[in-house]
Protein backbone atom coordinates (compact mmCIF):
# COMPACT_ATOMS: atom_id res chain seq x y z
CA MET A 1 43.51 7.73 183.00
CA THR A 2 46.91 7.59 183.47
CA ALA A 3 49.24 10.29 184.51
CA SER A 4 51.24 10.13 181.20
CA SER A 5 48.37 10.55 179.09
CA ARG A 6 46.85 13.31 181.30
CA LEU A 7 50.33 15.05 180.77
CA MET A 8 50.52 14.17 177.25
CA ARG A 9 46.89 15.71 176.22
CA PRO A 10 48.01 19.15 177.32
CA ALA A 11 50.79 18.77 175.55
CA THR A 12 48.81 18.03 172.38
CA ALA A 13 46.63 20.78 172.81
CA ALA A 14 49.10 22.92 173.46
CA SER A 15 50.99 21.74 170.21
CA SER A 16 47.82 22.59 168.20
CA VAL A 17 47.02 25.54 169.37
CA LEU A 18 50.36 26.54 168.30
CA LEU A 19 50.01 25.30 165.31
CA SER A 20 47.09 26.75 164.81
CA THR A 21 48.38 29.85 165.95
CA SER A 22 51.46 29.79 163.81
CA THR A 23 49.07 29.06 160.53
CA ARG A 24 47.04 31.84 161.26
CA ARG A 25 50.26 34.13 161.43
CA THR A 26 51.12 32.27 158.71
CA ALA A 27 48.58 33.08 155.98
CA PRO A 28 47.69 36.60 156.37
CA ARG A 29 51.51 36.88 155.49
CA ALA A 30 51.05 34.58 152.59
CA CYS A 31 47.93 36.69 151.57
CA THR A 32 49.50 40.08 151.77
CA PHE A 33 52.58 39.01 149.56
CA ALA A 34 50.25 37.65 146.99
CA CYS A 35 47.98 40.71 146.76
CA GLU A 36 50.85 43.40 146.81
CA VAL A 37 52.31 41.37 143.77
CA ALA A 38 48.94 41.27 142.22
CA SER A 39 48.18 44.97 143.15
CA ARG A 40 52.37 45.99 141.24
CA LYS A 41 51.43 43.41 138.07
CA ALA A 42 48.13 45.35 137.76
CA HIS A 43 49.89 48.63 138.33
CA THR A 44 52.78 47.69 135.97
CA SER A 45 50.75 46.74 133.17
CA ALA A 46 48.41 49.59 133.43
CA ARG A 47 51.49 51.76 133.23
CA LEU A 48 52.91 49.93 130.38
CA SER A 49 49.89 50.12 128.63
CA SER A 50 49.44 53.85 129.32
CA ARG A 51 52.76 53.79 127.20
CA ARG A 52 52.33 51.66 125.00
CA PRO A 53 49.99 53.05 121.47
CA LEU A 54 46.99 50.17 120.86
CA LEU A 55 48.07 48.30 117.21
CA SER A 56 44.76 48.41 115.00
CA SER A 57 43.87 45.04 113.98
CA THR A 58 43.30 46.19 110.52
CA SER A 59 46.46 44.88 107.96
CA THR A 60 45.70 48.31 106.00
CA THR A 61 47.01 50.41 108.73
CA THR A 62 49.91 47.43 109.77
CA ASN A 63 50.85 48.03 105.68
CA ALA A 64 50.58 51.47 106.19
CA ALA A 65 53.19 51.21 109.07
CA ALA A 66 55.42 49.13 107.98
CA SER A 67 55.95 51.02 104.58
CA ARG A 68 56.36 54.13 106.52
CA LEU A 69 59.32 52.32 108.93
CA THR A 70 60.30 50.99 105.48
CA ARG A 71 60.53 54.58 104.38
CA VAL A 72 62.36 55.97 107.25
CA GLY A 73 64.97 52.92 107.62
CA ALA A 74 65.67 53.46 103.67
CA VAL A 75 66.07 57.50 104.37
CA GLN A 76 68.06 56.43 107.67
CA THR A 77 70.78 53.81 105.81
CA ARG A 78 71.61 55.70 102.99
CA SER A 79 75.26 57.52 102.69
CA ILE A 80 77.42 58.41 100.73
CA PHE A 81 81.00 56.78 101.14
CA ILE A 82 83.96 57.84 98.48
CA GLN A 83 87.22 56.50 98.55
CA THR A 84 90.65 57.61 97.23
CA GLU A 85 93.53 55.63 95.83
CA ASN A 86 96.80 56.90 95.05
CA THR A 87 98.19 56.27 91.87
CA PRO A 88 101.84 55.44 90.18
CA ASN A 89 101.13 59.52 89.03
CA ALA A 90 101.86 61.77 92.07
CA ASP A 91 99.66 64.38 90.55
CA ALA A 92 96.43 62.20 90.10
CA LEU A 93 94.26 60.73 92.16
CA LYS A 94 91.37 58.17 91.88
CA PHE A 95 87.99 58.51 93.31
CA LEU A 96 85.45 56.04 94.05
CA PRO A 97 81.82 57.23 94.79
CA ASN A 98 80.47 53.90 95.31
CA HIS A 99 78.05 55.35 92.75
CA PRO A 100 78.08 54.75 88.88
CA VAL A 101 79.77 57.64 86.81
CA LEU A 102 79.34 56.60 83.45
CA PRO A 103 75.58 56.12 81.31
CA LYS A 104 74.76 52.51 81.45
CA ASP A 105 74.24 53.23 77.00
CA LEU A 106 77.53 54.63 76.52
CA ALA A 107 79.53 52.42 74.26
CA THR A 108 83.00 54.18 75.28
CA PRO A 109 83.74 52.81 79.05
CA PHE A 110 85.90 56.19 79.76
CA LEU A 111 85.45 59.96 79.54
CA GLU A 112 88.57 62.02 79.44
CA TYR A 113 87.97 66.71 79.88
CA LEU A 114 91.62 68.07 79.16
CA ASN A 115 90.01 71.51 79.52
CA PRO A 116 86.76 73.16 80.66
CA ARG A 117 85.53 73.87 77.28
CA SER A 118 84.92 69.86 76.68
CA THR A 119 83.16 69.49 80.14
CA ILE A 120 80.37 71.65 78.40
CA ALA A 121 80.69 70.53 74.73
CA PRO A 122 79.04 67.80 72.82
CA PRO A 123 78.66 64.53 72.88
CA HIS A 124 79.05 64.39 76.28
CA PRO A 125 78.91 67.53 78.37
CA SER A 126 79.72 66.80 82.25
CA PRO A 127 78.31 69.08 84.71
CA LEU A 128 80.47 67.51 87.63
CA ALA A 129 83.36 67.68 84.78
CA ALA A 130 82.76 71.69 84.75
CA GLN A 131 82.57 72.44 88.23
CA LEU A 132 86.02 70.47 88.94
CA MET A 133 87.82 71.87 86.32
CA ASN A 134 87.01 75.26 88.14
CA VAL A 135 88.94 74.26 90.85
CA ASP A 136 91.96 76.28 91.52
CA GLY A 137 95.15 73.48 90.27
CA VAL A 138 92.91 70.65 88.50
CA THR A 139 93.84 70.08 85.14
CA ALA A 140 92.15 67.29 84.12
CA VAL A 141 88.55 65.11 84.64
CA PHE A 142 88.78 61.28 83.85
CA TYR A 143 86.02 59.54 83.96
CA GLY A 144 85.90 55.21 84.47
CA ALA A 145 82.91 53.43 85.19
CA ASP A 146 82.61 53.39 88.70
CA PHE A 147 85.78 56.03 89.67
CA ILE A 148 86.75 59.31 88.82
CA THR A 149 90.61 60.82 88.32
CA VAL A 150 91.36 63.78 88.79
CA THR A 151 94.91 65.32 87.58
CA LYS A 152 96.31 68.51 89.29
CA ALA A 153 99.33 70.54 88.19
CA ALA A 154 102.94 69.85 89.72
CA ASP A 155 102.68 73.07 91.63
CA ALA A 156 99.08 72.39 93.48
CA ASN A 157 98.80 71.10 96.74
CA TRP A 158 96.09 68.09 97.06
CA ALA A 159 95.66 68.90 100.78
CA HIS A 160 94.16 72.10 99.64
CA ILE A 161 92.20 70.14 96.44
CA ARG A 162 91.24 67.60 97.56
CA PRO A 163 88.47 68.72 99.94
CA GLU A 164 86.60 70.57 97.65
CA ILE A 165 86.57 68.16 95.26
CA PHE A 166 85.00 65.63 98.21
CA SER A 167 82.17 68.29 98.49
CA LEU A 168 81.76 68.44 94.96
CA ILE A 169 81.53 64.43 93.93
CA THR A 170 79.00 63.84 97.29
CA GLU A 171 76.94 66.93 96.13
CA ALA A 172 76.73 66.06 92.44
CA ILE A 173 75.80 62.21 93.42
CA THR A 174 73.20 63.19 96.69
CA SER A 175 71.44 65.87 94.07
CA GLY A 176 70.93 62.91 91.74
CA GLN A 177 72.07 65.01 88.85
CA GLU A 178 73.45 62.70 85.92
CA ILE A 179 77.05 63.39 85.80
CA VAL A 180 77.21 62.73 82.45
CA THR A 181 74.33 64.24 79.71
CA VAL A 182 74.46 63.03 76.33
CA SER A 183 74.17 65.69 73.66
CA LYS A 184 73.91 65.86 69.77
CA LYS A 185 77.23 64.82 68.44
CA PRO A 186 79.08 67.42 66.44
CA ALA A 187 79.02 66.99 62.39
CA VAL A 188 82.15 66.29 60.11
CA GLY A 189 84.01 69.48 59.68
CA GLU A 190 83.03 70.89 62.99
CA ILE A 191 85.36 71.69 65.45
CA GLY A 192 85.09 69.75 68.27
CA ALA A 193 85.62 69.92 72.57
CA ASP A 194 89.29 69.48 72.10
CA GLY A 195 89.78 72.36 69.65
CA GLN A 196 90.20 70.10 66.40
CA GLU A 197 88.18 69.40 63.47
CA VAL A 198 85.83 66.86 63.66
CA THR A 199 87.09 63.67 61.04
CA ALA A 200 84.61 60.52 59.85
CA ALA A 201 87.63 58.45 61.73
CA SER A 202 87.90 60.40 64.94
CA LEU A 203 83.87 60.86 65.31
CA ALA A 204 83.58 57.08 64.61
CA ALA A 205 86.34 56.48 67.42
CA GLU A 206 84.21 58.33 70.18
CA GLU A 207 81.43 56.53 69.19
CA GLN A 208 82.87 52.98 70.41
CA ASP A 209 85.77 51.25 72.66
CA SER A 210 88.52 51.05 70.37
CA LEU A 211 88.98 47.61 71.66
CA ALA A 212 85.79 46.46 70.49
CA TYR A 213 85.16 43.49 68.32
CA ASP A 214 85.55 44.56 64.32
CA GLU A 215 84.73 42.14 62.05
CA ASN A 216 86.90 43.93 59.47
CA ASP A 217 89.95 43.52 61.65
CA SER A 218 92.68 41.01 60.83
CA GLU A 219 93.24 37.80 63.09
CA VAL A 220 96.54 39.39 64.27
CA VAL A 221 94.68 42.74 65.20
CA GLY A 222 91.75 40.72 66.68
CA MET A 223 94.28 39.04 69.14
CA ILE A 224 96.03 42.06 70.10
CA LYS A 225 92.61 43.70 71.09
CA GLU A 226 91.43 40.45 73.42
CA LEU A 227 95.09 40.72 74.98
CA LEU A 228 95.15 44.29 75.71
CA GLU A 229 91.16 43.83 76.77
CA THR A 230 91.48 40.66 79.18
CA ARG A 231 95.00 41.49 80.59
CA ILE A 232 96.08 44.91 80.01
CA ARG A 233 93.08 47.16 80.43
CA PRO A 234 92.38 45.63 84.19
CA ALA A 235 95.33 46.61 85.66
CA ILE A 236 95.69 50.00 83.79
CA GLN A 237 92.29 50.92 85.18
CA GLU A 238 93.01 49.98 88.95
CA ASP A 239 95.79 52.65 88.56
CA GLY A 240 93.01 55.39 87.46
CA GLY A 241 93.42 55.16 83.40
CA ASP A 242 92.68 53.49 80.71
CA ILE A 243 94.45 52.62 77.24
CA GLU A 244 93.04 53.31 73.29
CA PHE A 245 93.98 51.33 70.85
CA ARG A 246 95.21 53.79 67.55
CA GLY A 247 96.32 51.10 65.53
CA PHE A 248 98.83 48.09 64.57
CA ILE A 249 101.36 49.46 61.57
CA ASP A 250 104.56 47.30 60.37
CA GLY A 251 104.65 45.25 63.33
CA HIS A 252 104.44 47.91 65.94
CA VAL A 253 101.27 48.39 68.17
CA HIS A 254 100.11 51.98 68.44
CA LEU A 255 98.66 52.65 71.87
CA LYS A 256 97.52 55.66 73.97
CA LEU A 257 97.36 55.93 77.41
CA ARG A 258 94.53 57.88 79.41
CA GLY A 259 93.60 59.09 82.77
CA ALA A 260 96.51 58.65 85.33
CA CYS A 261 98.30 56.98 83.03
CA ARG A 262 98.53 59.76 80.40
CA THR A 263 101.05 62.39 81.48
CA CYS A 264 102.82 60.11 84.51
CA ASP A 265 106.17 59.62 84.23
CA SER A 266 106.68 55.85 84.38
CA SER A 267 104.16 55.60 81.25
CA THR A 268 107.01 54.37 79.15
CA VAL A 269 108.00 52.00 82.45
CA THR A 270 104.35 50.46 81.82
CA LEU A 271 104.55 50.04 77.94
CA LYS A 272 108.01 48.69 77.97
CA ASN A 273 107.78 46.36 80.84
CA GLY A 274 104.23 45.53 81.00
CA ILE A 275 102.31 45.85 77.67
CA GLU A 276 105.09 45.47 75.30
CA GLY A 277 106.77 42.20 76.65
CA MET A 278 103.37 40.81 77.25
CA LEU A 279 102.29 41.36 73.36
CA MET A 280 105.88 40.34 72.37
CA HIS A 281 105.12 37.26 74.11
CA TYR A 282 101.91 35.78 72.99
CA ILE A 283 102.19 37.52 69.75
CA GLU A 284 104.97 36.78 67.09
CA GLU A 285 103.83 39.24 64.76
CA VAL A 286 104.38 42.22 67.28
CA GLN A 287 107.86 43.94 67.17
CA GLY A 288 107.13 46.51 69.32
CA VAL A 289 105.15 49.31 70.97
CA HIS A 290 104.39 52.99 70.39
CA GLN A 291 102.83 55.26 72.46
CA VAL A 292 100.62 57.76 70.62
CA THR A 293 101.04 61.25 72.55
CA ASP A 294 99.59 64.66 72.81
CA PRO A 295 101.64 68.05 72.98
CA GLU A 296 101.61 68.27 77.07
CA GLU A 297 102.99 64.61 76.95
CA GLU A 298 105.39 65.42 74.91
CA ILE A 299 106.54 68.67 76.89
CA ALA A 300 106.55 66.17 79.98
CA LEU A 301 108.43 63.25 78.34
CA ALA A 302 111.02 65.82 76.78
CA GLU A 303 111.30 67.25 81.22
CA PHE A 304 111.83 63.27 82.26
CA GLU A 305 114.53 63.10 79.31
CA LYS A 306 115.98 66.05 80.95
CA PHE A 307 116.11 64.39 83.96
CA GLU A 308 117.34 61.63 83.06
CA GLU A 309 120.40 62.92 80.64
CA LYS A 310 121.71 64.15 84.24
CA LEU A 311 121.53 60.91 86.16
CA ARG A 312 123.45 59.18 83.17
CA ALA A 313 126.18 62.17 83.50
CA GLN A 314 126.75 61.59 87.23
CA LYS A 315 127.08 57.88 86.55
CA GLY A 316 129.31 58.26 83.91
CA ALA A 317 129.29 57.67 80.01
CA ASP A 318 129.33 53.88 80.16
CA ALA A 319 126.22 53.77 82.64
CA ALA A 320 123.21 52.06 80.78
CA PRO A 321 119.92 54.23 80.16
CA SER A 322 117.04 53.33 82.39
CA ALA A 323 113.89 51.98 80.89
CA PHE A 324 112.11 55.25 81.12
CA GLY A 325 112.18 57.96 78.52
CA LYS A 326 112.03 57.98 74.96
CA GLY A 327 115.20 56.25 74.89
CA ALA A 328 113.47 53.17 75.94
CA ILE A 329 110.82 53.19 73.69
CA ASP A 330 109.64 54.86 70.22
CA SER A 331 106.79 57.17 70.94
CA VAL A 332 105.28 59.35 67.75
CA PRO A 333 102.83 62.58 68.23
CA GLY A 334 99.26 61.92 67.87
């Protein structure tokens, strides 16, 4: 054996000793780490198992739990969102409760309550309208298919009225009570909700939409109704009101505005520039439009006419009259 061999063997033995020592030192650390990880996993699993309820494998329990979750979710997601929109009439405000207002089987597309008596009288009493009419400053309540228009007195303040209106509408919807109830209609000759004697014509008008198709209508009247229904009514409903057809006499269409448009100062502008212009453009038989008014509306128009006279006096005698007031369009009392 050479010296170099003798020198290499101890080195080899020493290195093997060092390697085995290193292996022995490393192995316990790896084992310890693996044990610690396994221990932590077991502890975590046990901890999570103690926190998580065990689900039954039966379908009945699963379906019952899902049903409970569905019911809870439905209750939690239900909310009442009432949107308000301004109208051309500063004294009228449109409320959209995101909920049907009129009954589905109601023939007329709108209902209007002008006094407290009308809210409890047949054929369409309304508990909500009665409550709204009791609010100090409210003078009228109008129901559309999916909106409510409330009209106030000129000296009332919306800041005081609006919160109470919100509260009443929200309570009526969440309680599930009927906004409008359909009761027995008054007979011909009896006194109606408006204090007037009920006639066969007025009773028939309440039972159906004035713009509805009637086989007894002439061709011209049919065209007038169709144009009012498709082109004019949607715009007026957008402003918180509606329109009622009262007849076609001597080339003139007799109309009555409802809701926010009923007492609006710009109602004559709506008739003159909007309705009259469109009807005369598409139907050559139409020569003009008459606005059917109530005594209250006559007073409002008279006051506005006085205001117009003052403006014309300030501008001079040669100043052209505006499109407002009775000078712009004929009005007939209704």
